[in-house]
């Protein structure tokens, strides 16, 4: 493992951990980072999408290109690469409002 490889792995790990911590904070508290607060209507869903994306990209990065033998775990890396767009789609769906409950249905249920 060369020096540049270690730098790339460290920077990648730091970025992915920061994303995962942000996602966990949003899921736990509903707090939204300032850069997306006005556009995100469902913060917990956005946090789940961030976590899924961070897990997917971590799997891809550390089982694929940043692995010592990059082709040893290629099916797992490909699954991580496929999981990342699922997290991104979840984040994008968090920008749309959720379904509104029907007032009559909730009134009859109580």
PDB file of N, CA and C in Angstrom:
ATOM      1  N   UNK A   1       0.847  -1.165   0.000  1.00  0.00           N
ATOM      2  CA  UNK A   1       0.000   0.000   0.000  1.00  0.00           C
ATOM      3  C   UNK A   1       0.898   1.236   0.000  1.00  0.00           C
ATOM      4  N   UNK A   2       0.750   2.065  -1.015  1.00  0.00           N
ATOM      5  CA  UNK A   2       1.592   3.249  -1.136  1.00  0.00           C
ATOM      6  C   UNK A   2       1.039   4.394  -0.299  1.00  0.00           C
ATOM      7  N   UNK A   3       1.826   5.442  -0.210  1.00  0.00           N
ATOM      8  CA  UNK A   3       1.408   6.602   0.573  1.00  0.00           C
ATOM      9  C   UNK A   3       0.168   7.277   0.002  1.00  0.00           C
ATOM     10  N   UNK A   4       0.115   7.390  -1.333  1.00  0.00           N
ATOM     11  CA  UNK A   4      -1.042   8.034  -1.954  1.00  0.00           C
ATOM     12  C   UNK A   4      -2.300   7.193  -1.749  1.00  0.00           C
ATOM     13  N   UNK A   5      -2.161   5.880  -1.771  1.00  0.00           N
ATOM     14  CA  UNK A   5      -3.309   4.999  -1.539  1.00  0.00           C
ATOM     15  C   UNK A   5      -3.865   5.217  -0.136  1.00  0.00           C
ATOM     16  N   UNK A   6      -2.992   5.361   0.825  1.00  0.00           N
ATOM     17  CA  UNK A   6      -3.435   5.604   2.207  1.00  0.00           C
ATOM     18  C   UNK A   6      -4.134   6.958   2.331  1.00  0.00           C
ATOM     19  N   UNK A   7      -3.623   7.951   1.630  1.00  0.00           N
ATOM     20  CA  UNK A   7      -4.262   9.270   1.662  1.00  0.00           C
ATOM     21  C   UNK A   7      -5.656   9.188   1.057  1.00  0.00           C
ATOM     22  N   UNK A   8      -5.782   8.541  -0.096  1.00  0.00           N
ATOM     23  CA  UNK A   8      -7.089   8.397  -0.728  1.00  0.00           C
ATOM     24  C   UNK A   8      -8.063   7.619   0.153  1.00  0.00           C
ATOM     25  N   UNK A   9      -7.587   6.554   0.761  1.00  0.00           N
ATOM     26  CA  UNK A   9      -8.447   5.764   1.645  1.00  0.00           C
ATOM     27  C   UNK A   9      -8.860   6.581   2.863  1.00  0.00           C
ATOM     28  N   UNK A  10      -7.956   7.370   3.416  1.00  0.00           N
ATOM     29  CA  UNK A  10      -8.281   8.196   4.579  1.00  0.00           C
ATOM     30  C   UNK A  10      -9.281   9.292   4.256  1.00  0.00           C
ATOM     31  N   UNK A  11      -9.097   9.961   3.119  1.00  0.00           N
ATOM     32  CA  UNK A  11     -10.027  11.018   2.723  1.00  0.00           C
ATOM     33  C   UNK A  11     -11.404  10.425   2.431  1.00  0.00           C
ATOM     34  N   UNK A  12     -11.424   9.283   1.753  1.00  0.00           N
ATOM     35  CA  UNK A  12     -12.694   8.620   1.456  1.00  0.00           C
ATOM     36  C   UNK A  12     -13.400   8.202   2.740  1.00  0.00           C
ATOM     37  N   UNK A  13     -12.660   7.618   3.658  1.00  0.00           N
ATOM     38  CA  UNK A  13     -13.251   7.193   4.930  1.00  0.00           C
ATOM     39  C   UNK A  13     -13.797   8.391   5.707  1.00  0.00           C
ATOM     40  N   UNK A  14     -13.053   9.489   5.721  1.00  0.00           N
ATOM     41  CA  UNK A  14     -13.520  10.674   6.455  1.00  0.00           C
ATOM     42  C   UNK A  14     -14.802  11.235   5.846  1.00  0.00           C
ATOM     43  N   UNK A  15     -14.869  11.286   4.525  1.00  0.00           N
ATOM     44  CA  UNK A  15     -16.071  11.809   3.866  1.00  0.00           C
ATOM     45  C   UNK A  15     -17.273  10.910   4.110  1.00  0.00           C
ATOM     46  N   UNK A  16     -17.071   9.606   4.051  1.00  0.00           N
ATOM     47  CA  UNK A  16     -18.185   8.674   4.244  1.00  0.00           C
ATOM     48  C   UNK A  16     -18.645   8.638   5.697  1.00  0.00           C
ATOM     49  N   UNK A  17     -17.712   8.747   6.624  1.00  0.00           N
ATOM     50  CA  UNK A  17     -18.096   8.810   8.039  1.00  0.00           C
ATOM     51  C   UNK A  17     -18.865  10.099   8.322  1.00  0.00           C
ATOM     52  N   UNK A  18     -18.433  11.207   7.727  1.00  0.00           N
ATOM     53  CA  UNK A  18     -19.155  12.464   7.911  1.00  0.00           C
ATOM     54  C   UNK A  18     -20.587  12.357   7.370  1.00  0.00           C
ATOM     55  N   UNK A  19     -20.742  11.723   6.228  1.00  0.00           N
ATOM     56  CA  UNK A  19     -22.079  11.522   5.680  1.00  0.00           C
ATOM     57  C   UNK A  19     -22.931  10.631   6.558  1.00  0.00           C
ATOM     58  N   UNK A  20     -22.347   9.557   7.059  1.00  0.00           N
ATOM     59  CA  UNK A  20     -23.098   8.642   7.920  1.00  0.00           C
ATOM     60  C   UNK A  20     -23.483   9.308   9.242  1.00  0.00           C
ATOM     61  N   UNK A  21     -22.596  10.101   9.805  1.00  0.00           N
ATOM     62  CA  UNK A  21     -22.900  10.806  11.052  1.00  0.00           C
ATOM     63  C   UNK A  21     -24.010  11.826  10.826  1.00  0.00           C
ATOM     64  N   UNK A  22     -23.954  12.527   9.693  1.00  0.00           N
ATOM     65  CA  UNK A  22     -25.018  13.479   9.372  1.00  0.00           C
ATOM     66  C   UNK A  22     -26.360  12.762   9.232  1.00  0.00           C
ATOM     67  N   UNK A  23     -26.358  11.640   8.520  1.00  0.00           N
ATOM     68  CA  UNK A  23     -27.589  10.875   8.356  1.00  0.00           C
ATOM     69  C   UNK A  23     -28.132  10.362   9.672  1.00  0.00           C
ATOM     70  N   UNK A  24     -27.250   9.874  10.539  1.00  0.00           N
ATOM     71  CA  UNK A  24     -27.690   9.378  11.842  1.00  0.00           C
ATOM     72  C   UNK A  24     -28.252  10.504  12.705  1.00  0.00           C
ATOM     73  N   UNK A  25     -27.631  11.679  12.636  1.00  0.00           N
ATOM     74  CA  UNK A  25     -28.135  12.817  13.410  1.00  0.00           C
ATOM     75  C   UNK A  25     -29.517  13.236  12.927  1.00  0.00           C
ATOM     76  N   UNK A  26     -29.721  13.210  11.615  1.00  0.00           N
ATOM     77  CA  UNK A  26     -31.026  13.589  11.081  1.00  0.00           C
ATOM     78  C   UNK A  26     -32.085  12.568  11.472  1.00  0.00           C
ATOM     79  N   UNK A  27     -31.751  11.284  11.395  1.00  0.00           N
ATOM     80  CA  UNK A  27     -32.719  10.249  11.766  1.00  0.00           C
ATOM     81  C   UNK A  27     -33.064  10.352  13.253  1.00  0.00           C
ATOM     82  N   UNK A  28     -32.072  10.596  14.094  1.00  0.00           N
ATOM     83  CA  UNK A  28     -32.308  10.614  15.536  1.00  0.00           C
ATOM     84  C   UNK A  28     -33.027  11.874  16.009  1.00  0.00           C
ATOM     85  N   UNK A  29     -32.712  13.025  15.404  1.00  0.00           N
ATOM     86  CA  UNK A  29     -33.230  14.279  15.943  1.00  0.00           C
ATOM     87  C   UNK A  29     -34.172  15.029  15.014  1.00  0.00           C
ATOM     88  N   UNK A  30     -34.133  14.735  13.726  1.00  0.00           N
ATOM     89  CA  UNK A  30     -34.920  15.497  12.768  1.00  0.00           C
ATOM     90  C   UNK A  30     -34.239  16.779  12.341  1.00  0.00           C
ATOM     91  N   UNK A  31     -33.022  17.014  12.830  1.00  0.00           N
ATOM     92  CA  UNK A  31     -32.241  18.192  12.464  1.00  0.00           C
ATOM     93  C   UNK A  31     -31.767  18.050  11.032  1.00  0.00           C
ATOM     94  N   UNK A  32     -31.874  19.106  10.258  1.00  0.00           N
ATOM     95  CA  UNK A  32     -31.442  19.098   8.868  1.00  0.00           C
ATOM     96  C   UNK A  32     -30.268  20.048   8.723  1.00  0.00           C
ATOM     97  N   UNK A  33     -29.220  19.656   7.983  1.00  0.00           N
ATOM     98  CA  UNK A  33     -28.098  20.575   7.781  1.00  0.00           C
ATOM     99  C   UNK A  33     -28.555  21.868   7.110  1.00  0.00           C
ATOM    100  N   UNK A  34     -27.890  22.971   7.390  1.00  0.00           N
ATOM    101  CA  UNK A  34     -28.323  24.260   6.863  1.00  0.00           C
ATOM    102  C   UNK A  34     -28.377  24.317   5.334  1.00  0.00           C
ATOM    103  N   UNK A  35     -27.550  23.558   4.653  1.00  0.00           N
ATOM    104  CA  UNK A  35     -27.513  23.636   3.189  1.00  0.00           C
ATOM    105  C   UNK A  35     -28.722  22.988   2.518  1.00  0.00           C
ATOM    106  N   UNK A  36     -29.537  22.254   3.234  1.00  0.00           N
ATOM    107  CA  UNK A  36     -30.686  21.618   2.610  1.00  0.00           C
ATOM    108  C   UNK A  36     -31.982  21.814   3.363  1.00  0.00           C
ATOM    109  N   UNK A  37     -31.953  22.612   4.395  1.00  0.00           N
ATOM    110  CA  UNK A  37     -33.108  22.736   5.273  1.00  0.00           C
ATOM    111  C   UNK A  37     -34.387  23.216   4.618  1.00  0.00           C
ATOM    112  N   UNK A  38     -34.282  24.148   3.682  1.00  0.00           N
ATOM    113  CA  UNK A  38     -35.504  24.690   3.100  1.00  0.00           C
ATOM    114  C   UNK A  38     -36.131  23.751   2.071  1.00  0.00           C
ATOM    115  N   UNK A  39     -35.356  22.844   1.502  1.00  0.00           N
ATOM    116  CA  UNK A  39     -35.874  21.965   0.455  1.00  0.00           C
ATOM    117  C   UNK A  39     -36.335  20.617   0.978  1.00  0.00           C
ATOM    118  N   UNK A  40     -35.879  20.205   2.144  1.00  0.00           N
ATOM    119  CA  UNK A  40     -36.180  18.868   2.651  1.00  0.00           C
ATOM    120  C   UNK A  40     -37.459  18.928   3.472  1.00  0.00           C
ATOM    121  N   UNK A  41     -38.479  18.216   3.005  1.00  0.00           N
ATOM    122  CA  UNK A  41     -39.770  18.233   3.694  1.00  0.00           C
ATOM    123  C   UNK A  41     -39.920  17.085   4.688  1.00  0.00           C
ATOM    124  N   UNK A  42     -39.211  15.987   4.451  1.00  0.00           N
ATOM    125  CA  UNK A  42     -39.268  14.841   5.361  1.00  0.00           C
ATOM    126  C   UNK A  42     -37.843  14.516   5.802  1.00  0.00           C
ATOM    127  N   UNK A  43     -37.380  15.140   6.880  1.00  0.00           N
ATOM    128  CA  UNK A  43     -35.972  15.017   7.255  1.00  0.00           C
ATOM    129  C   UNK A  43     -35.541  13.604   7.641  1.00  0.00           C
ATOM    130  N   UNK A  44     -36.382  12.853   8.312  1.00  0.00           N
ATOM    131  CA  UNK A  44     -35.966  11.503   8.716  1.00  0.00           C
ATOM    132  C   UNK A  44     -35.774  10.597   7.502  1.00  0.00           C
ATOM    133  N   UNK A  45     -36.629  10.742   6.514  1.00  0.00           N
ATOM    134  CA  UNK A  45     -36.454   9.969   5.284  1.00  0.00           C
ATOM    135  C   UNK A  45     -35.163  10.371   4.588  1.00  0.00           C
ATOM    136  N   UNK A  46     -34.841  11.655   4.599  1.00  0.00           N
ATOM    137  CA  UNK A  46     -33.594  12.127   4.014  1.00  0.00           C
ATOM    138  C   UNK A  46     -32.405  11.529   4.764  1.00  0.00           C
ATOM    139  N   UNK A  47     -32.500  11.455   6.080  1.00  0.00           N
ATOM    140  CA  UNK A  47     -31.425  10.852   6.878  1.00  0.00           C
ATOM    141  C   UNK A  47     -31.231   9.380   6.562  1.00  0.00           C
ATOM    142  N   UNK A  48     -32.339   8.657   6.384  1.00  0.00           N
ATOM    143  CA  UNK A  48     -32.220   7.243   6.012  1.00  0.00           C
ATOM    144  C   UNK A  48     -31.556   7.103   4.642  1.00  0.00           C
ATOM    145  N   UNK A  49     -31.911   7.974   3.710  1.00  0.00           N
ATOM    146  CA  UNK A  49     -31.283   7.945   2.393  1.00  0.00           C
ATOM    147  C   UNK A  49     -29.793   8.230   2.471  1.00  0.00           C
ATOM    148  N   UNK A  50     -29.413   9.155   3.343  1.00  0.00           N
ATOM    149  CA  UNK A  50     -27.997   9.471   3.525  1.00  0.00           C
ATOM    150  C   UNK A  50     -27.246   8.271   4.087  1.00  0.00           C
ATOM    151  N   UNK A  51     -27.839   7.587   5.060  1.00  0.00           N
ATOM    152  CA  UNK A  51     -27.196   6.399   5.625  1.00  0.00           C
ATOM    153  C   UNK A  51     -27.055   5.293   4.594  1.00  0.00           C
ATOM    154  N   UNK A  52     -28.103   5.052   3.823  1.00  0.00           N
ATOM    155  CA  UNK A  52     -28.046   4.001   2.796  1.00  0.00           C
ATOM    156  C   UNK A  52     -26.983   4.345   1.761  1.00  0.00           C
ATOM    157  N   UNK A  53     -26.931   5.609   1.342  1.00  0.00           N
ATOM    158  CA  UNK A  53     -25.915   6.017   0.378  1.00  0.00           C
ATOM    159  C   UNK A  53     -24.505   5.879   0.918  1.00  0.00           C
ATOM    160  N   UNK A  54     -24.297   6.231   2.180  1.00  0.00           N
ATOM    161  CA  UNK A  54     -22.962   6.113   2.781  1.00  0.00           C
ATOM    162  C   UNK A  54     -22.540   4.652   2.908  1.00  0.00           C
ATOM    163  N   UNK A  55     -23.472   3.790   3.290  1.00  0.00           N
ATOM    164  CA  UNK A  55     -23.149   2.357   3.386  1.00  0.00           C
ATOM    165  C   UNK A  55     -22.832   1.788   2.001  1.00  0.00           C
ATOM    166  N   UNK A  56     -23.635   2.160   1.003  1.00  0.00           N
ATOM    167  CA  UNK A  56     -23.400   1.668  -0.351  1.00  0.00           C
ATOM    168  C   UNK A  56     -22.072   2.133  -0.910  1.00  0.00           C
ATOM    169  N   UNK A  57     -21.768   3.410  -0.748  1.00  0.00           N
ATOM    170  CA  UNK A  57     -20.505   3.918  -1.282  1.00  0.00           C
ATOM    171  C   UNK A  57     -19.316   3.376  -0.497  1.00  0.00           C
ATOM    172  N   UNK A  58     -19.490   3.132   0.805  1.00  0.00           N
ATOM    173  CA  UNK A  58     -18.405   2.511   1.579  1.00  0.00           C
ATOM    174  C   UNK A  58     -18.117   1.108   1.080  1.00  0.00           C
ATOM    175  N   UNK A  59     -19.191   0.354   0.852  1.00  0.00           N
ATOM    176  CA  UNK A  59     -18.998  -0.997   0.323  1.00  0.00           C
ATOM    177  C   UNK A  59     -18.307  -0.986  -1.017  1.00  0.00           C
ATOM    178  N   UNK A  60     -18.718  -0.073  -1.883  1.00  0.00           N
ATOM    179  CA  UNK A  60     -18.081   0.001  -3.195  1.00  0.00           C
ATOM    180  C   UNK A  60     -16.618   0.422  -3.080  1.00  0.00           C
ATOM    181  N   UNK A  61     -16.361   1.489  -2.322  1.00  0.00           N
ATOM    182  CA  UNK A  61     -15.009   2.042  -2.274  1.00  0.00           C
ATOM    183  C   UNK A  61     -14.017   1.089  -1.626  1.00  0.00           C
ATOM    184  N   UNK A  62     -14.409   0.477  -0.522  1.00  0.00           N
ATOM    185  CA  UNK A  62     -13.435  -0.317   0.221  1.00  0.00           C
ATOM    186  C   UNK A  62     -13.401  -1.792  -0.171  1.00  0.00           C
ATOM    187  N   UNK A  63     -14.383  -2.241  -0.938  1.00  0.00           N
ATOM    188  CA  UNK A  63     -14.312  -3.606  -1.480  1.00  0.00           C
ATOM    189  C   UNK A  63     -13.938  -3.595  -2.955  1.00  0.00           C
ATOM    190  N   UNK A  64     -13.916  -2.419  -3.548  1.00  0.00           N
ATOM    191  CA  UNK A  64     -13.593  -2.294  -4.964  1.00  0.00           C
ATOM    192  C   UNK A  64     -12.258  -1.611  -5.177  1.00  0.00           C
ATOM    193  N   UNK A  65     -12.278  -0.354  -5.640  1.00  0.00           N
ATOM    194  CA  UNK A  65     -11.046   0.312  -6.048  1.00  0.00           C
ATOM    195  C   UNK A  65     -10.019   0.522  -4.943  1.00  0.00           C
ATOM    196  N   UNK A  66     -10.439   0.730  -3.709  1.00  0.00           N
ATOM    197  CA  UNK A  66      -9.474   0.979  -2.637  1.00  0.00           C
ATOM    198  C   UNK A  66      -9.060  -0.287  -1.899  1.00  0.00           C
ATOM    199  N   UNK A  67      -9.494  -1.426  -2.396  1.00  0.00           N
ATOM    200  CA  UNK A  67      -9.103  -2.709  -1.820  1.00  0.00           C
ATOM    201  C   UNK A  67      -7.729  -3.083  -2.368  1.00  0.00           C
ATOM    202  N   UNK A  68      -6.964  -3.833  -1.600  1.00  0.00           N
ATOM    203  CA  UNK A  68      -5.654  -4.273  -2.061  1.00  0.00           C
ATOM    204  C   UNK A  68      -5.736  -5.135  -3.310  1.00  0.00           C
ATOM    205  N   UNK A  69      -6.723  -5.989  -3.371  1.00  0.00           N
ATOM    206  CA  UNK A  69      -6.973  -6.826  -4.546  1.00  0.00           C
ATOM    207  C   UNK A  69      -8.360  -6.444  -5.067  1.00  0.00           C
ATOM    208  N   UNK A  70      -8.450  -5.456  -5.969  1.00  0.00           N
ATOM    209  CA  UNK A  70      -9.751  -4.867  -6.290  1.00  0.00           C
ATOM    210  C   UNK A  70     -10.769  -5.817  -6.898  1.00  0.00           C
ATOM    211  N   UNK A  71     -10.339  -6.904  -7.508  1.00  0.00           N
ATOM    212  CA  UNK A  71     -11.306  -7.799  -8.137  1.00  0.00           C
ATOM    213  C   UNK A  71     -11.689  -8.975  -7.250  1.00  0.00           C
ATOM    214  N   UNK A  72     -11.151  -9.037  -6.043  1.00  0.00           N
ATOM    215  CA  UNK A  72     -11.439 -10.153  -5.155  1.00  0.00           C
ATOM    216  C   UNK A  72     -12.880 -10.123  -4.659  1.00  0.00           C
ATOM    217  N   UNK A  73     -13.400  -8.965  -4.410  1.00  0.00           N
ATOM    218  CA  UNK A  73     -14.752  -8.823  -3.860  1.00  0.00           C
ATOM    219  C   UNK A  73     -15.654  -8.034  -4.808  1.00  0.00           C
ATOM    220  N   UNK A  74     -15.470  -8.208  -6.098  1.00  0.00           N
ATOM    221  CA  UNK A  74     -16.198  -7.392  -7.070  1.00  0.00           C
ATOM    222  C   UNK A  74     -17.719  -7.523  -6.975  1.00  0.00           C
ATOM    223  N   UNK A  75     -18.292  -8.723  -6.741  1.00  0.00           N
ATOM    224  CA  UNK A  75     -19.759  -8.764  -6.607  1.00  0.00           C
ATOM    225  C   UNK A  75     -20.274  -7.938  -5.428  1.00  0.00           C
ATOM    226  N   UNK A  76     -19.568  -7.952  -4.313  1.00  0.00           N
ATOM    227  CA  UNK A  76     -19.978  -7.152  -3.159  1.00  0.00           C
ATOM    228  C   UNK A  76     -19.800  -5.663  -3.435  1.00  0.00           C
ATOM    229  N   UNK A  77     -18.718  -5.309  -4.121  1.00  0.00           N
ATOM    230  CA  UNK A  77     -18.500  -3.912  -4.487  1.00  0.00           C
ATOM    231  C   UNK A  77     -19.591  -3.437  -5.442  1.00  0.00           C
ATOM    232  N   UNK A  78     -20.000  -4.290  -6.361  1.00  0.00           N
ATOM    233  CA  UNK A  78     -21.060  -3.921  -7.298  1.00  0.00           C
ATOM    234  C   UNK A  78     -22.390  -3.741  -6.566  1.00  0.00           C
ATOM    235  N   UNK A  79     -22.647  -4.548  -5.551  1.00  0.00           N
ATOM    236  CA  UNK A  79     -23.875  -4.364  -4.765  1.00  0.00           C
ATOM    237  C   UNK A  79     -23.835  -3.029  -4.023  1.00  0.00           C
ATOM    238  N   UNK A  80     -22.687  -2.670  -3.500  1.00  0.00           N
ATOM    239  CA  UNK A  80     -22.553  -1.363  -2.851  1.00  0.00           C
ATOM    240  C   UNK A  80     -22.760  -0.230  -3.835  1.00  0.00           C
ATOM    241  N   UNK A  81     -22.217  -0.402  -5.039  1.00  0.00           N
ATOM    242  CA  UNK A  81     -22.386   0.607  -6.082  1.00  0.00           C
ATOM    243  C   UNK A  81     -23.851   0.728  -6.484  1.00  0.00           C
ATOM    244  N   UNK A  82     -24.583  -0.370  -6.443  1.00  0.00           N
ATOM    245  CA  UNK A  82     -26.010  -0.340  -6.745  1.00  0.00           C
ATOM    246  C   UNK A  82     -26.843   0.213  -5.603  1.00  0.00           C
ATOM    247  N   UNK A  83     -26.347   0.113  -4.384  1.00  0.00           N
ATOM    248  CA  UNK A  83     -27.068   0.620  -3.219  1.00  0.00           C
ATOM    249  C   UNK A  83     -27.003   2.143  -3.128  1.00  0.00           C
ATOM    250  N   UNK A  84     -25.943   2.723  -3.630  1.00  0.00           N
ATOM    251  CA  UNK A  84     -25.785   4.172  -3.561  1.00  0.00           C
ATOM    252  C   UNK A  84     -26.912   4.922  -4.278  1.00  0.00           C
ATOM    253  N   UNK A  85     -27.310   4.550  -5.495  1.00  0.00           N
ATOM    254  CA  UNK A  85     -28.438   5.257  -6.129  1.00  0.00           C
ATOM    255  C   UNK A  85     -29.761   5.073  -5.386  1.00  0.00           C
ATOM    256  N   UNK A  86     -29.905   3.960  -4.675  1.00  0.00           N
ATOM    257  CA  UNK A  86     -31.118   3.775  -3.866  1.00  0.00           C
ATOM    258  C   UNK A  86     -31.165   4.836  -2.765  1.00  0.00           C
ATOM    259  N   UNK A  87     -30.033   5.081  -2.129  1.00  0.00           N
ATOM    260  CA  UNK A  87     -29.969   6.131  -1.114  1.00  0.00           C
ATOM    261  C   UNK A  87     -30.213   7.509  -1.700  1.00  0.00           C
ATOM    262  N   UNK A  88     -29.675   7.760  -2.890  1.00  0.00           N
ATOM    263  CA  UNK A  88     -29.887   9.048  -3.543  1.00  0.00           C
ATOM    264  C   UNK A  88     -31.356   9.238  -3.907  1.00  0.00           C
ATOM    265  N   UNK A  89     -31.997   8.189  -4.412  1.00  0.00           N
ATOM    266  CA  UNK A  89     -33.422   8.282  -4.743  1.00  0.00           C
ATOM    267  C   UNK A  89     -34.259   8.513  -3.485  1.00  0.00           C
ATOM    268  N   UNK A  90     -33.862   7.903  -2.388  1.00  0.00           N
ATOM    269  CA  UNK A  90     -34.570   8.122  -1.122  1.00  0.00           C
ATOM    270  C   UNK A  90     -34.414   9.571  -0.669  1.00  0.00           C
ATOM    271  N   UNK A  91     -33.215  10.115  -0.815  1.00  0.00           N
ATOM    272  CA  UNK A  91     -33.007  11.516  -0.465  1.00  0.00           C
ATOM    273  C   UNK A  91     -33.849  12.441  -1.345  1.00  0.00           C
ATOM    274  N   UNK A  92     -33.928  12.145  -2.623  1.00  0.00           N
ATOM    275  CA  UNK A  92     -34.723  12.977  -3.520  1.00  0.00           C
ATOM    276  C   UNK A  92     -36.205  12.884  -3.198  1.00  0.00           C
ATOM    277  N   UNK A  93     -36.673  11.702  -2.811  1.00  0.00           N
ATOM    278  CA  UNK A  93     -38.092  11.576  -2.463  1.00  0.00           C
ATOM    279  C   UNK A  93     -38.416  12.308  -1.159  1.00  0.00           C
ATOM    280  N   UNK A  94     -37.420  12.568  -0.336  1.00  0.00           N
ATOM    281  CA  UNK A  94     -37.654  13.313   0.907  1.00  0.00           C
ATOM    282  C   UNK A  94     -37.933  14.783   0.640  1.00  0.00           C
ATOM    283  N   UNK A  95     -37.673  15.250  -0.569  1.00  0.00           N
ATOM    284  CA  UNK A  95     -37.974  16.635  -0.919  1.00  0.00           C
ATOM    285  C   UNK A  95     -39.432  16.838  -1.289  1.00  0.00           C
ATOM    286  N   UNK A  96     -40.141  15.752  -1.528  1.00  0.00           N
ATOM    287  CA  UNK A  96     -41.559  15.839  -1.882  1.00  0.00           C
ATOM    288  C   UNK A  96     -42.392  15.664  -0.624  1.00  0.00           C
ATOM    289  N   UNK A  97     -43.537  16.298  -0.557  1.00  0.00           N
ATOM    290  CA  UNK A  97     -44.372  16.117   0.638  1.00  0.00           C
ATOM    291  C   UNK A  97     -44.929  14.698   0.704  1.00  0.00           C
ATOM    292  N   UNK A  98     -45.133  14.217   1.911  1.00  0.00           N
ATOM    293  CA  UNK A  98     -45.725  12.895   2.090  1.00  0.00           C
ATOM    294  C   UNK A  98     -47.215  12.924   1.785  1.00  0.00           C
ATOM    295  N   UNK A  99     -47.816  11.774   1.830  1.00  0.00           N
ATOM    296  CA  UNK A  99     -49.259  11.708   1.598  1.00  0.00           C
ATOM    297  C   UNK A  99     -49.995  12.362   2.757  1.00  0.00           C
ATOM    298  N   UNK A 100     -50.980  13.140   2.420  1.00  0.00           N
ATOM    299  CA  UNK A 100     -51.810  13.752   3.456  1.00  0.00           C
ATOM    300  C   UNK A 100     -52.885  12.757   3.852  1.00  0.00           C
ATOM    301  N   UNK A 101     -53.106  12.635   5.122  1.00  0.00           N
ATOM    302  CA  UNK A 101     -54.166  11.729   5.578  1.00  0.00           C
ATOM    303  C   UNK A 101     -55.513  12.346   5.288  1.00  0.00           C
ATOM    304  N   UNK A 102     -56.433  11.512   4.945  1.00  0.00           N
ATOM    305  CA  UNK A 102     -57.795  11.966   4.694  1.00  0.00           C
ATOM    306  C   UNK A 102     -58.433  12.335   6.037  1.00  0.00           C
ATOM    307  N   UNK A 103     -58.959  13.542   6.125  1.00  0.00           N
ATOM    308  CA  UNK A 103     -59.534  14.011   7.399  1.00  0.00           C
ATOM    309  C   UNK A 103     -60.720  13.148   7.822  1.00  0.00           C
ATOM    310  N   UNK A 104     -61.528  12.700   6.872  1.00  0.00           N
ATOM    311  CA  UNK A 104     -62.682  11.878   7.211  1.00  0.00           C
ATOM    312  C   UNK A 104     -62.263  10.510   7.725  1.00  0.00           C
ATOM    313  N   UNK A 105     -61.205   9.957   7.131  1.00  0.00           N
ATOM    314  CA  UNK A 105     -60.744   8.634   7.574  1.00  0.00           C
ATOM    315  C   UNK A 105     -60.176   8.679   8.981  1.00  0.00           C
ATOM    316  N   UNK A 106     -59.443   9.733   9.301  1.00  0.00           N
ATOM    317  CA  UNK A 106     -58.893   9.831  10.655  1.00  0.00           C
ATOM    318  C   UNK A 106     -59.997  10.163  11.663  1.00  0.00           C
ATOM    319  N   UNK A 107     -61.017  10.877  11.229  1.00  0.00           N
ATOM    320  CA  UNK A 107     -62.115  11.203  12.133  1.00  0.00           C
ATOM    321  C   UNK A 107     -62.927   9.947  12.473  1.00  0.00           C
ATOM    322  N   UNK A 108     -63.143   9.075  11.472  1.00  0.00           N
ATOM    323  CA  UNK A 108     -63.899   7.844  11.696  1.00  0.00           C
ATOM    324  C   UNK A 108     -63.086   6.829  12.490  1.00  0.00           C
ATOM    325  N   UNK A 109     -61.779   6.891  12.405  1.00  0.00           N
ATOM    326  CA  UNK A 109     -60.949   5.916  13.107  1.00  0.00           C
ATOM    327  C   UNK A 109     -60.932   6.182  14.601  1.00  0.00           C
ATOM    328  N   UNK A 110     -61.159   7.409  15.013  1.00  0.00           N
ATOM    329  CA  UNK A 110     -61.086   7.712  16.455  1.00  0.00           C
ATOM    330  C   UNK A 110     -62.398   7.602  17.154  1.00  0.00           C
TER     331      UNK A 110
END
